[in-house]
N, C-alpha and C. Protein backbone atom coordinates (compact mmCIF):
# COMPACT_ATOMS: atom_id res chain seq x y z
N MET A 1 -14.91 5.27 -35.40
CA MET A 1 -14.57 5.90 -34.14
C MET A 1 -14.87 7.40 -34.25
N ARG A 2 -15.63 7.92 -33.28
CA ARG A 2 -15.97 9.34 -33.28
C ARG A 2 -14.75 10.18 -32.95
N ALA A 3 -14.84 11.47 -33.29
CA ALA A 3 -13.73 12.39 -33.05
C ALA A 3 -13.40 12.47 -31.56
N THR A 4 -14.42 12.50 -30.70
CA THR A 4 -14.14 12.59 -29.26
C THR A 4 -13.47 11.32 -28.75
N GLU A 5 -13.83 10.17 -29.30
CA GLU A 5 -13.19 8.92 -28.90
C GLU A 5 -11.72 8.92 -29.33
N ARG A 6 -11.46 9.43 -30.53
CA ARG A 6 -10.06 9.51 -31.00
C ARG A 6 -9.26 10.46 -30.11
N THR A 7 -9.86 11.59 -29.76
CA THR A 7 -9.18 12.55 -28.89
C THR A 7 -8.90 11.93 -27.53
N THR A 8 -9.89 11.26 -26.97
CA THR A 8 -9.71 10.61 -25.68
C THR A 8 -8.61 9.56 -25.75
N SER A 9 -8.64 8.74 -26.80
CA SER A 9 -7.61 7.71 -26.97
C SER A 9 -6.23 8.34 -27.10
N LEU A 10 -6.14 9.40 -27.87
CA LEU A 10 -4.86 10.09 -28.05
C LEU A 10 -4.35 10.65 -26.73
N LEU A 11 -5.24 11.27 -25.96
CA LEU A 11 -4.85 11.82 -24.66
C LEU A 11 -4.36 10.72 -23.72
N LEU A 12 -5.04 9.59 -23.72
CA LEU A 12 -4.62 8.48 -22.85
C LEU A 12 -3.24 7.97 -23.26
N VAL A 13 -3.02 7.81 -24.56
CA VAL A 13 -1.72 7.33 -25.05
C VAL A 13 -0.63 8.35 -24.73
N LEU A 14 -0.91 9.63 -24.96
CA LEU A 14 0.08 10.67 -24.64
C LEU A 14 0.41 10.67 -23.15
N GLY A 15 -0.60 10.47 -22.32
CA GLY A 15 -0.35 10.39 -20.88
C GLY A 15 0.55 9.22 -20.53
N LEU A 16 0.30 8.07 -21.14
CA LEU A 16 1.14 6.90 -20.88
C LEU A 16 2.57 7.13 -21.34
N LEU A 17 2.72 7.70 -22.53
CA LEU A 17 4.07 7.99 -23.03
C LEU A 17 4.79 9.00 -22.14
N GLY A 18 4.08 10.04 -21.75
CA GLY A 18 4.67 11.05 -20.87
C GLY A 18 5.11 10.47 -19.54
N LEU A 19 4.27 9.62 -18.97
CA LEU A 19 4.64 9.00 -17.70
C LEU A 19 5.79 8.01 -17.86
N ALA A 20 5.83 7.30 -18.97
CA ALA A 20 6.93 6.36 -19.20
C ALA A 20 8.26 7.12 -19.31
N ILE A 21 8.26 8.19 -20.08
CA ILE A 21 9.50 8.97 -20.24
C ILE A 21 9.90 9.63 -18.93
N SER A 22 8.94 10.25 -18.26
CA SER A 22 9.28 10.91 -16.99
C SER A 22 9.68 9.89 -15.93
N GLY A 23 9.09 8.70 -15.98
CA GLY A 23 9.48 7.65 -15.04
C GLY A 23 10.92 7.22 -15.22
N LEU A 24 11.34 7.07 -16.48
CA LEU A 24 12.74 6.72 -16.75
C LEU A 24 13.68 7.82 -16.29
N LEU A 25 13.32 9.05 -16.57
CA LEU A 25 14.16 10.18 -16.14
C LEU A 25 14.22 10.27 -14.62
N PHE A 26 13.07 10.08 -13.97
CA PHE A 26 13.04 10.14 -12.51
C PHE A 26 13.87 9.01 -11.90
N TYR A 27 13.75 7.82 -12.46
CA TYR A 27 14.52 6.67 -11.98
C TYR A 27 16.02 6.99 -12.05
N GLN A 28 16.44 7.53 -13.18
CA GLN A 28 17.86 7.87 -13.34
C GLN A 28 18.29 8.95 -12.35
N SER A 29 17.51 10.00 -12.25
CA SER A 29 17.92 11.10 -11.37
C SER A 29 17.84 10.71 -9.89
N GLN A 30 16.84 9.94 -9.51
CA GLN A 30 16.70 9.57 -8.10
C GLN A 30 17.80 8.59 -7.68
N ASN A 31 18.21 7.73 -8.59
CA ASN A 31 19.19 6.70 -8.25
C ASN A 31 20.64 7.12 -8.51
N HIS A 32 20.84 8.20 -9.26
CA HIS A 32 22.20 8.57 -9.64
C HIS A 32 22.52 10.03 -9.34
N SER A 33 21.85 10.60 -8.37
CA SER A 33 22.15 11.98 -7.99
C SER A 33 21.94 12.12 -6.49
N GLU A 34 22.05 13.30 -6.02
CA GLU A 34 21.94 13.57 -4.59
C GLU A 34 20.54 14.04 -4.18
N LEU A 35 19.53 13.67 -4.94
CA LEU A 35 18.16 14.06 -4.58
C LEU A 35 17.78 13.43 -3.24
N PRO A 36 17.04 14.16 -2.42
CA PRO A 36 16.59 13.55 -1.16
C PRO A 36 15.61 12.42 -1.43
N GLY A 37 15.57 11.48 -0.51
CA GLY A 37 14.61 10.39 -0.61
C GLY A 37 15.22 9.03 -0.82
N GLY A 38 16.47 9.00 -1.26
CA GLY A 38 17.15 7.73 -1.45
C GLY A 38 16.83 7.07 -2.77
N PRO A 39 17.50 5.95 -3.04
CA PRO A 39 17.27 5.24 -4.30
C PRO A 39 15.88 4.60 -4.33
N VAL A 40 15.43 4.32 -5.55
CA VAL A 40 14.10 3.74 -5.74
C VAL A 40 14.22 2.52 -6.64
N ALA A 41 13.53 1.45 -6.27
CA ALA A 41 13.52 0.22 -7.07
C ALA A 41 12.72 0.46 -8.35
N GLY A 42 13.12 -0.23 -9.40
CA GLY A 42 12.44 -0.09 -10.69
C GLY A 42 10.95 -0.38 -10.63
N VAL A 43 10.57 -1.43 -9.90
CA VAL A 43 9.15 -1.77 -9.82
C VAL A 43 8.36 -0.69 -9.08
N LYS A 44 9.03 0.03 -8.20
CA LYS A 44 8.36 1.13 -7.51
C LYS A 44 8.13 2.31 -8.46
N ILE A 45 8.98 2.45 -9.47
CA ILE A 45 8.74 3.46 -10.51
C ILE A 45 7.51 3.06 -11.32
N LEU A 46 7.38 1.77 -11.60
CA LEU A 46 6.18 1.30 -12.30
C LEU A 46 4.92 1.56 -11.48
N TRP A 47 5.01 1.33 -10.18
CA TRP A 47 3.88 1.62 -9.28
C TRP A 47 3.57 3.11 -9.30
N LEU A 48 4.60 3.93 -9.15
CA LEU A 48 4.40 5.38 -9.13
C LEU A 48 3.77 5.86 -10.43
N GLY A 49 4.28 5.41 -11.56
CA GLY A 49 3.70 5.80 -12.84
C GLY A 49 2.25 5.35 -12.98
N SER A 50 1.97 4.16 -12.48
CA SER A 50 0.61 3.61 -12.58
C SER A 50 -0.38 4.43 -11.75
N VAL A 51 0.00 4.76 -10.51
CA VAL A 51 -0.93 5.53 -9.69
C VAL A 51 -1.02 6.98 -10.16
N LEU A 52 0.07 7.52 -10.67
CA LEU A 52 -0.02 8.87 -11.23
C LEU A 52 -1.00 8.89 -12.40
N PHE A 53 -0.94 7.88 -13.24
CA PHE A 53 -1.88 7.78 -14.35
C PHE A 53 -3.32 7.70 -13.82
N CYS A 54 -3.53 6.85 -12.82
CA CYS A 54 -4.88 6.64 -12.28
C CYS A 54 -5.39 7.82 -11.47
N TRP A 55 -4.52 8.46 -10.73
CA TRP A 55 -4.96 9.51 -9.81
C TRP A 55 -4.97 10.90 -10.43
N TYR A 56 -4.24 11.09 -11.53
CA TYR A 56 -4.17 12.43 -12.13
C TYR A 56 -4.62 12.44 -13.59
N TRP A 57 -3.94 11.66 -14.42
CA TRP A 57 -4.19 11.76 -15.85
C TRP A 57 -5.57 11.21 -16.23
N LEU A 58 -5.90 10.03 -15.76
CA LEU A 58 -7.18 9.42 -16.13
C LEU A 58 -8.37 10.27 -15.69
N PRO A 59 -8.44 10.76 -14.45
CA PRO A 59 -9.60 11.60 -14.11
C PRO A 59 -9.64 12.91 -14.90
N ALA A 60 -8.46 13.45 -15.24
CA ALA A 60 -8.44 14.68 -16.05
C ALA A 60 -9.01 14.40 -17.44
N VAL A 61 -8.64 13.27 -18.03
CA VAL A 61 -9.18 12.90 -19.34
C VAL A 61 -10.68 12.63 -19.23
N MET A 62 -11.10 11.97 -18.16
CA MET A 62 -12.53 11.71 -17.99
C MET A 62 -13.31 13.01 -17.86
N LEU A 63 -12.72 14.01 -17.23
CA LEU A 63 -13.39 15.31 -17.12
C LEU A 63 -13.67 15.92 -18.49
N LEU A 64 -12.79 15.67 -19.44
CA LEU A 64 -12.95 16.22 -20.78
C LEU A 64 -13.91 15.42 -21.65
N GLU A 65 -14.19 14.21 -21.26
CA GLU A 65 -15.03 13.32 -22.05
C GLU A 65 -16.50 13.74 -21.93
N PRO A 66 -17.16 14.04 -23.05
CA PRO A 66 -18.56 14.48 -23.00
C PRO A 66 -19.50 13.48 -22.31
N ARG A 67 -19.22 12.19 -22.44
CA ARG A 67 -20.09 11.19 -21.82
C ARG A 67 -20.00 11.20 -20.30
N MET A 68 -19.00 11.86 -19.75
CA MET A 68 -18.81 11.91 -18.30
C MET A 68 -19.40 13.18 -17.69
N LYS A 69 -20.18 13.89 -18.46
CA LYS A 69 -20.73 15.17 -18.01
C LYS A 69 -21.41 15.05 -16.65
N GLY A 70 -22.14 13.99 -16.43
CA GLY A 70 -22.86 13.81 -15.17
C GLY A 70 -21.96 13.49 -13.99
N SER A 71 -20.70 13.21 -14.24
CA SER A 71 -19.77 12.84 -13.17
C SER A 71 -18.68 13.88 -12.95
N ARG A 72 -18.78 15.00 -13.61
CA ARG A 72 -17.70 16.00 -13.54
C ARG A 72 -17.49 16.53 -12.13
N ARG A 73 -18.55 16.72 -11.39
CA ARG A 73 -18.40 17.22 -10.02
C ARG A 73 -17.60 16.24 -9.16
N LEU A 74 -17.92 14.96 -9.27
CA LEU A 74 -17.21 13.94 -8.49
C LEU A 74 -15.74 13.87 -8.90
N LEU A 75 -15.50 13.88 -10.20
CA LEU A 75 -14.12 13.83 -10.69
C LEU A 75 -13.34 15.07 -10.28
N SER A 76 -14.00 16.22 -10.29
CA SER A 76 -13.33 17.47 -9.89
C SER A 76 -12.95 17.44 -8.42
N ILE A 77 -13.84 16.95 -7.58
CA ILE A 77 -13.53 16.85 -6.14
C ILE A 77 -12.29 15.98 -5.94
N PHE A 78 -12.28 14.84 -6.61
CA PHE A 78 -11.15 13.93 -6.48
C PHE A 78 -9.86 14.57 -7.00
N LEU A 79 -9.94 15.18 -8.16
CA LEU A 79 -8.75 15.77 -8.77
C LEU A 79 -8.20 16.93 -7.94
N ILE A 80 -9.06 17.74 -7.38
CA ILE A 80 -8.60 18.83 -6.51
C ILE A 80 -7.87 18.26 -5.30
N ASN A 81 -8.44 17.22 -4.70
CA ASN A 81 -7.80 16.55 -3.57
C ASN A 81 -6.40 16.08 -3.95
N MET A 82 -6.27 15.49 -5.13
CA MET A 82 -4.98 14.95 -5.54
C MET A 82 -3.99 16.05 -5.95
N LEU A 83 -4.48 17.10 -6.57
CA LEU A 83 -3.58 18.20 -6.94
C LEU A 83 -3.04 18.90 -5.69
N LEU A 84 -3.88 19.07 -4.69
CA LEU A 84 -3.39 19.64 -3.43
C LEU A 84 -2.33 18.74 -2.81
N ARG A 85 -2.57 17.43 -2.86
CA ARG A 85 -1.57 16.50 -2.33
C ARG A 85 -0.25 16.65 -3.07
N ALA A 86 -0.32 16.69 -4.39
CA ALA A 86 0.91 16.77 -5.19
C ALA A 86 1.71 18.01 -4.84
N ILE A 87 1.05 19.14 -4.77
CA ILE A 87 1.75 20.39 -4.48
C ILE A 87 2.39 20.34 -3.10
N ILE A 88 1.61 19.96 -2.11
CA ILE A 88 2.11 19.95 -0.73
C ILE A 88 3.20 18.89 -0.55
N GLU A 89 2.97 17.70 -1.08
CA GLU A 89 3.93 16.62 -0.90
C GLU A 89 5.26 16.91 -1.60
N LEU A 90 5.20 17.43 -2.81
CA LEU A 90 6.44 17.74 -3.52
C LEU A 90 7.23 18.83 -2.81
N LEU A 91 6.54 19.84 -2.31
CA LEU A 91 7.23 20.88 -1.53
C LEU A 91 7.86 20.29 -0.27
N MET A 92 7.11 19.45 0.42
CA MET A 92 7.63 18.86 1.65
C MET A 92 8.82 17.93 1.37
N MET A 93 8.77 17.23 0.25
CA MET A 93 9.84 16.27 -0.05
C MET A 93 11.10 16.96 -0.57
N TYR A 94 10.94 17.86 -1.51
CA TYR A 94 12.12 18.36 -2.22
C TYR A 94 12.51 19.80 -1.89
N GLN A 95 11.61 20.56 -1.31
CA GLN A 95 11.95 21.93 -0.94
C GLN A 95 12.26 22.02 0.56
N TRP A 96 11.27 21.64 1.36
CA TRP A 96 11.43 21.76 2.81
C TRP A 96 12.07 20.53 3.43
N GLN A 97 12.02 19.41 2.75
CA GLN A 97 12.58 18.13 3.20
C GLN A 97 12.10 17.74 4.60
N ASN A 98 10.80 17.88 4.81
CA ASN A 98 10.23 17.50 6.10
C ASN A 98 9.07 16.51 5.95
N TRP A 99 8.99 15.87 4.79
CA TRP A 99 7.93 14.89 4.58
C TRP A 99 8.20 13.65 5.43
N HIS A 100 7.14 13.01 5.87
CA HIS A 100 7.24 11.79 6.66
C HIS A 100 6.16 10.83 6.17
N PRO A 101 6.42 9.53 6.19
CA PRO A 101 5.41 8.57 5.72
C PRO A 101 4.04 8.72 6.39
N TRP A 102 4.01 9.19 7.62
CA TRP A 102 2.71 9.36 8.27
C TRP A 102 1.82 10.35 7.54
N TYR A 103 2.43 11.36 6.91
CA TYR A 103 1.63 12.31 6.13
C TYR A 103 0.97 11.60 4.95
N GLY A 104 1.76 10.79 4.27
CA GLY A 104 1.22 10.03 3.15
C GLY A 104 0.14 9.05 3.58
N ILE A 105 0.38 8.36 4.69
CA ILE A 105 -0.60 7.41 5.21
C ILE A 105 -1.90 8.13 5.55
N SER A 106 -1.79 9.27 6.20
CA SER A 106 -2.99 10.03 6.57
C SER A 106 -3.79 10.44 5.33
N HIS A 107 -3.09 10.94 4.33
CA HIS A 107 -3.81 11.36 3.12
C HIS A 107 -4.35 10.16 2.36
N ASP A 108 -3.62 9.06 2.36
CA ASP A 108 -4.11 7.85 1.69
C ASP A 108 -5.41 7.37 2.31
N LEU A 109 -5.46 7.34 3.63
CA LEU A 109 -6.69 6.89 4.31
C LEU A 109 -7.84 7.85 4.07
N PHE A 110 -7.55 9.15 4.12
CA PHE A 110 -8.58 10.14 3.81
C PHE A 110 -9.09 9.95 2.38
N SER A 111 -8.16 9.76 1.44
CA SER A 111 -8.54 9.62 0.04
C SER A 111 -9.30 8.33 -0.23
N ALA A 112 -8.95 7.26 0.48
CA ALA A 112 -9.71 6.01 0.34
C ALA A 112 -11.16 6.22 0.76
N LEU A 113 -11.34 6.90 1.88
CA LEU A 113 -12.70 7.20 2.35
C LEU A 113 -13.43 8.11 1.36
N LEU A 114 -12.74 9.13 0.88
CA LEU A 114 -13.32 10.03 -0.11
C LEU A 114 -13.76 9.26 -1.35
N CYS A 115 -12.92 8.35 -1.82
CA CYS A 115 -13.26 7.57 -3.02
C CYS A 115 -14.48 6.68 -2.78
N LEU A 116 -14.58 6.11 -1.60
CA LEU A 116 -15.76 5.30 -1.30
C LEU A 116 -17.02 6.16 -1.31
N LEU A 117 -16.91 7.36 -0.76
CA LEU A 117 -18.06 8.28 -0.78
C LEU A 117 -18.41 8.68 -2.21
N LEU A 118 -17.40 8.97 -3.01
CA LEU A 118 -17.64 9.35 -4.41
C LEU A 118 -18.21 8.18 -5.21
N ALA A 119 -17.73 6.98 -4.93
CA ALA A 119 -18.27 5.79 -5.61
C ALA A 119 -19.75 5.64 -5.29
N GLY A 120 -20.11 5.90 -4.04
CA GLY A 120 -21.52 5.82 -3.64
C GLY A 120 -22.40 6.84 -4.33
N LYS A 121 -21.81 7.96 -4.72
CA LYS A 121 -22.57 9.02 -5.40
C LYS A 121 -22.58 8.83 -6.92
N GLY A 122 -21.71 7.96 -7.43
CA GLY A 122 -21.60 7.78 -8.87
C GLY A 122 -22.86 7.21 -9.49
N LYS A 123 -23.23 7.76 -10.63
CA LYS A 123 -24.43 7.30 -11.31
C LYS A 123 -24.12 6.26 -12.39
N SER A 124 -22.88 6.25 -12.86
CA SER A 124 -22.53 5.28 -13.90
C SER A 124 -21.67 4.16 -13.31
N ARG A 125 -21.74 3.02 -13.96
CA ARG A 125 -20.94 1.88 -13.51
C ARG A 125 -19.45 2.20 -13.60
N LEU A 126 -19.04 2.90 -14.64
CA LEU A 126 -17.63 3.24 -14.82
C LEU A 126 -17.13 4.08 -13.64
N ILE A 127 -17.88 5.08 -13.25
CA ILE A 127 -17.46 5.97 -12.16
C ILE A 127 -17.45 5.22 -10.83
N ARG A 128 -18.46 4.41 -10.59
CA ARG A 128 -18.48 3.63 -9.34
C ARG A 128 -17.30 2.68 -9.29
N GLN A 129 -17.03 2.04 -10.41
CA GLN A 129 -15.90 1.11 -10.47
C GLN A 129 -14.57 1.86 -10.31
N TYR A 130 -14.45 2.97 -11.01
CA TYR A 130 -13.21 3.76 -10.93
C TYR A 130 -12.92 4.16 -9.48
N PHE A 131 -13.89 4.76 -8.81
CA PHE A 131 -13.63 5.22 -7.45
C PHE A 131 -13.47 4.05 -6.47
N GLY A 132 -14.14 2.96 -6.71
CA GLY A 132 -13.95 1.78 -5.86
C GLY A 132 -12.53 1.25 -5.95
N VAL A 133 -12.02 1.16 -7.17
CA VAL A 133 -10.65 0.68 -7.36
C VAL A 133 -9.64 1.70 -6.82
N MET A 134 -9.93 2.99 -6.99
CA MET A 134 -9.02 4.00 -6.44
C MET A 134 -8.96 3.90 -4.92
N ALA A 135 -10.08 3.64 -4.28
CA ALA A 135 -10.08 3.45 -2.82
C ALA A 135 -9.15 2.29 -2.46
N ALA A 136 -9.24 1.21 -3.21
CA ALA A 136 -8.37 0.06 -2.96
C ALA A 136 -6.89 0.42 -3.17
N LEU A 137 -6.61 1.22 -4.20
CA LEU A 137 -5.22 1.63 -4.45
C LEU A 137 -4.67 2.46 -3.30
N PHE A 138 -5.50 3.30 -2.73
CA PHE A 138 -5.03 4.09 -1.59
C PHE A 138 -4.73 3.20 -0.39
N LEU A 139 -5.49 2.14 -0.22
CA LEU A 139 -5.20 1.22 0.88
C LEU A 139 -3.91 0.45 0.61
N VAL A 140 -3.67 0.09 -0.65
CA VAL A 140 -2.40 -0.55 -1.00
C VAL A 140 -1.25 0.42 -0.75
N GLU A 141 -1.42 1.66 -1.17
CA GLU A 141 -0.38 2.67 -0.95
C GLU A 141 -0.13 2.87 0.54
N THR A 142 -1.17 2.79 1.34
CA THR A 142 -1.02 2.88 2.80
C THR A 142 -0.14 1.74 3.31
N ALA A 143 -0.39 0.54 2.82
CA ALA A 143 0.42 -0.62 3.24
C ALA A 143 1.87 -0.44 2.81
N PHE A 144 2.09 0.07 1.60
CA PHE A 144 3.46 0.30 1.14
C PHE A 144 4.16 1.34 2.01
N ALA A 145 3.46 2.41 2.35
CA ALA A 145 4.06 3.45 3.20
C ALA A 145 4.34 2.91 4.60
N TRP A 146 3.45 2.09 5.10
CA TRP A 146 3.64 1.46 6.41
C TRP A 146 4.90 0.60 6.40
N TYR A 147 5.05 -0.17 5.33
CA TYR A 147 6.25 -1.00 5.18
C TYR A 147 7.51 -0.12 5.20
N MET A 148 7.48 0.93 4.41
CA MET A 148 8.63 1.82 4.32
C MET A 148 8.96 2.42 5.68
N LEU A 149 7.95 2.80 6.40
CA LEU A 149 8.12 3.39 7.72
C LEU A 149 8.86 2.45 8.67
N HIS A 150 8.58 1.16 8.54
CA HIS A 150 9.13 0.19 9.49
C HIS A 150 10.32 -0.61 8.97
N HIS A 151 10.56 -0.60 7.66
CA HIS A 151 11.59 -1.50 7.12
C HIS A 151 12.64 -0.83 6.24
N VAL A 152 12.53 0.45 5.98
CA VAL A 152 13.49 1.12 5.10
C VAL A 152 14.21 2.19 5.91
N GLN A 153 15.52 2.09 5.93
CA GLN A 153 16.35 3.04 6.66
C GLN A 153 17.27 3.75 5.68
N GLY A 154 17.66 4.96 6.03
CA GLY A 154 18.60 5.69 5.19
C GLY A 154 19.35 6.72 6.02
N SER A 155 20.41 7.26 5.46
CA SER A 155 21.18 8.26 6.18
C SER A 155 20.47 9.61 6.19
N GLY A 156 19.59 9.82 5.23
CA GLY A 156 18.79 11.05 5.16
C GLY A 156 17.33 10.67 5.07
N PRO A 157 16.51 11.58 4.59
CA PRO A 157 15.10 11.24 4.43
C PRO A 157 14.92 10.12 3.41
N VAL A 158 13.99 9.22 3.69
CA VAL A 158 13.71 8.09 2.81
C VAL A 158 12.28 8.21 2.32
N TYR A 159 12.12 8.29 1.00
CA TYR A 159 10.79 8.42 0.40
C TYR A 159 10.39 7.21 -0.42
N TYR A 160 11.35 6.32 -0.69
CA TYR A 160 11.09 5.22 -1.61
C TYR A 160 11.69 3.93 -1.08
N VAL A 161 11.15 2.81 -1.55
CA VAL A 161 11.73 1.51 -1.24
C VAL A 161 12.82 1.25 -2.28
N PRO A 162 14.05 1.02 -1.81
CA PRO A 162 15.15 0.79 -2.75
C PRO A 162 15.17 -0.66 -3.23
N PRO A 163 15.96 -0.93 -4.27
CA PRO A 163 16.12 -2.32 -4.67
C PRO A 163 16.92 -3.07 -3.61
N GLY A 164 16.76 -4.36 -3.56
CA GLY A 164 17.54 -5.16 -2.62
C GLY A 164 16.78 -6.39 -2.16
N ARG A 165 17.55 -7.42 -1.82
CA ARG A 165 16.95 -8.69 -1.39
C ARG A 165 16.10 -8.53 -0.14
N GLU A 166 16.49 -7.62 0.74
CA GLU A 166 15.74 -7.47 1.98
C GLU A 166 14.32 -6.96 1.75
N HIS A 167 14.07 -6.41 0.57
CA HIS A 167 12.73 -5.89 0.24
C HIS A 167 12.06 -6.70 -0.87
N GLN A 168 12.61 -7.87 -1.18
CA GLN A 168 12.14 -8.62 -2.34
C GLN A 168 10.66 -9.00 -2.25
N ALA A 169 10.19 -9.37 -1.08
CA ALA A 169 8.78 -9.76 -0.95
C ALA A 169 7.87 -8.57 -1.29
N LEU A 170 8.21 -7.41 -0.78
CA LEU A 170 7.39 -6.22 -1.07
C LEU A 170 7.49 -5.84 -2.54
N LEU A 171 8.68 -5.92 -3.11
CA LEU A 171 8.85 -5.55 -4.51
C LEU A 171 8.10 -6.52 -5.43
N THR A 172 8.09 -7.79 -5.07
CA THR A 172 7.32 -8.77 -5.85
C THR A 172 5.82 -8.48 -5.73
N ALA A 173 5.38 -8.20 -4.51
CA ALA A 173 3.96 -7.85 -4.31
C ALA A 173 3.60 -6.60 -5.10
N THR A 174 4.51 -5.63 -5.12
CA THR A 174 4.27 -4.41 -5.89
C THR A 174 4.09 -4.74 -7.37
N GLY A 175 4.95 -5.60 -7.89
CA GLY A 175 4.84 -6.00 -9.29
C GLY A 175 3.51 -6.67 -9.59
N LEU A 176 3.06 -7.53 -8.70
CA LEU A 176 1.77 -8.20 -8.89
C LEU A 176 0.61 -7.20 -8.86
N VAL A 177 0.70 -6.22 -7.97
CA VAL A 177 -0.34 -5.19 -7.90
C VAL A 177 -0.35 -4.37 -9.19
N VAL A 178 0.83 -4.02 -9.69
CA VAL A 178 0.91 -3.23 -10.93
C VAL A 178 0.30 -4.00 -12.10
N VAL A 179 0.63 -5.27 -12.23
CA VAL A 179 0.07 -6.09 -13.31
C VAL A 179 -1.45 -6.17 -13.18
N SER A 180 -1.93 -6.39 -11.96
CA SER A 180 -3.38 -6.46 -11.73
C SER A 180 -4.06 -5.13 -12.06
N LEU A 181 -3.41 -4.05 -11.67
CA LEU A 181 -3.97 -2.72 -11.94
C LEU A 181 -4.08 -2.48 -13.44
N TRP A 182 -3.05 -2.83 -14.20
CA TRP A 182 -3.10 -2.59 -15.64
C TRP A 182 -4.08 -3.52 -16.33
N ALA A 183 -4.29 -4.71 -15.80
CA ALA A 183 -5.33 -5.59 -16.35
C ALA A 183 -6.70 -4.95 -16.14
N TRP A 184 -6.92 -4.40 -14.94
CA TRP A 184 -8.18 -3.71 -14.67
C TRP A 184 -8.32 -2.47 -15.56
N LEU A 185 -7.25 -1.70 -15.69
CA LEU A 185 -7.31 -0.50 -16.53
C LEU A 185 -7.64 -0.85 -17.98
N ALA A 186 -7.05 -1.92 -18.48
CA ALA A 186 -7.35 -2.35 -19.85
C ALA A 186 -8.83 -2.66 -19.99
N HIS A 187 -9.38 -3.36 -19.01
CA HIS A 187 -10.82 -3.67 -19.05
C HIS A 187 -11.65 -2.40 -18.94
N LEU A 188 -11.26 -1.51 -18.04
CA LEU A 188 -12.00 -0.26 -17.87
C LEU A 188 -12.01 0.55 -19.16
N LEU A 189 -10.86 0.68 -19.78
CA LEU A 189 -10.74 1.54 -20.96
C LEU A 189 -11.26 0.89 -22.23
N LEU A 190 -11.13 -0.42 -22.34
CA LEU A 190 -11.52 -1.10 -23.58
C LEU A 190 -12.94 -1.66 -23.55
N VAL A 191 -13.46 -1.91 -22.35
CA VAL A 191 -14.79 -2.51 -22.27
C VAL A 191 -15.77 -1.57 -21.57
N THR A 192 -15.52 -1.29 -20.30
CA THR A 192 -16.48 -0.50 -19.52
C THR A 192 -16.68 0.88 -20.11
N TRP A 193 -15.59 1.54 -20.52
CA TRP A 193 -15.67 2.89 -21.08
C TRP A 193 -16.56 2.89 -22.33
N LYS A 194 -16.41 1.87 -23.16
CA LYS A 194 -17.19 1.79 -24.40
C LYS A 194 -18.68 1.59 -24.13
N GLU A 195 -19.00 1.00 -22.98
CA GLU A 195 -20.40 0.74 -22.64
C GLU A 195 -21.11 1.97 -22.09
N GLU A 196 -20.36 2.99 -21.74
CA GLU A 196 -20.96 4.21 -21.17
C GLU A 196 -21.80 4.93 -22.20
């Protein structure tokens, strides 16, 4: 294994560990404190960690990978889009408390379109596949936000789907999507990445 491959592998593992730890802490704080947004189901934390890995950590690691030199512009465009979302959304949710699911839906649809455009510009199979799957994830996230908009109520702002029987179908679907996503990620990282 080359030094760059070891570094990339280490960065990916560190990202997973960091997201796992922060996910547990977030789950505890969101469900056991007065943070705005309401309680969050455990499987939704798995979804959140999975998309954070895919939308932030993975493209950042790919930017550092020498074999991705030809795709850095595409990855940078995507990452800037997502970093702007993170800053604005976190401020709206936790500082100004004026976030609404329609904002998320709007950005999800924009990002799905952006990913399809970036996939079309990709020169490598890995990049085309990555952006194609990211477009699909944004459409899934749109469906989740739509569900929340119509089926989740709270006394204050609601940002997450809570645990409960009334949401069991969505939570089960979320779990299936997370498992499918990680199966794809395993293939991407263990097979497709090696072929680049």
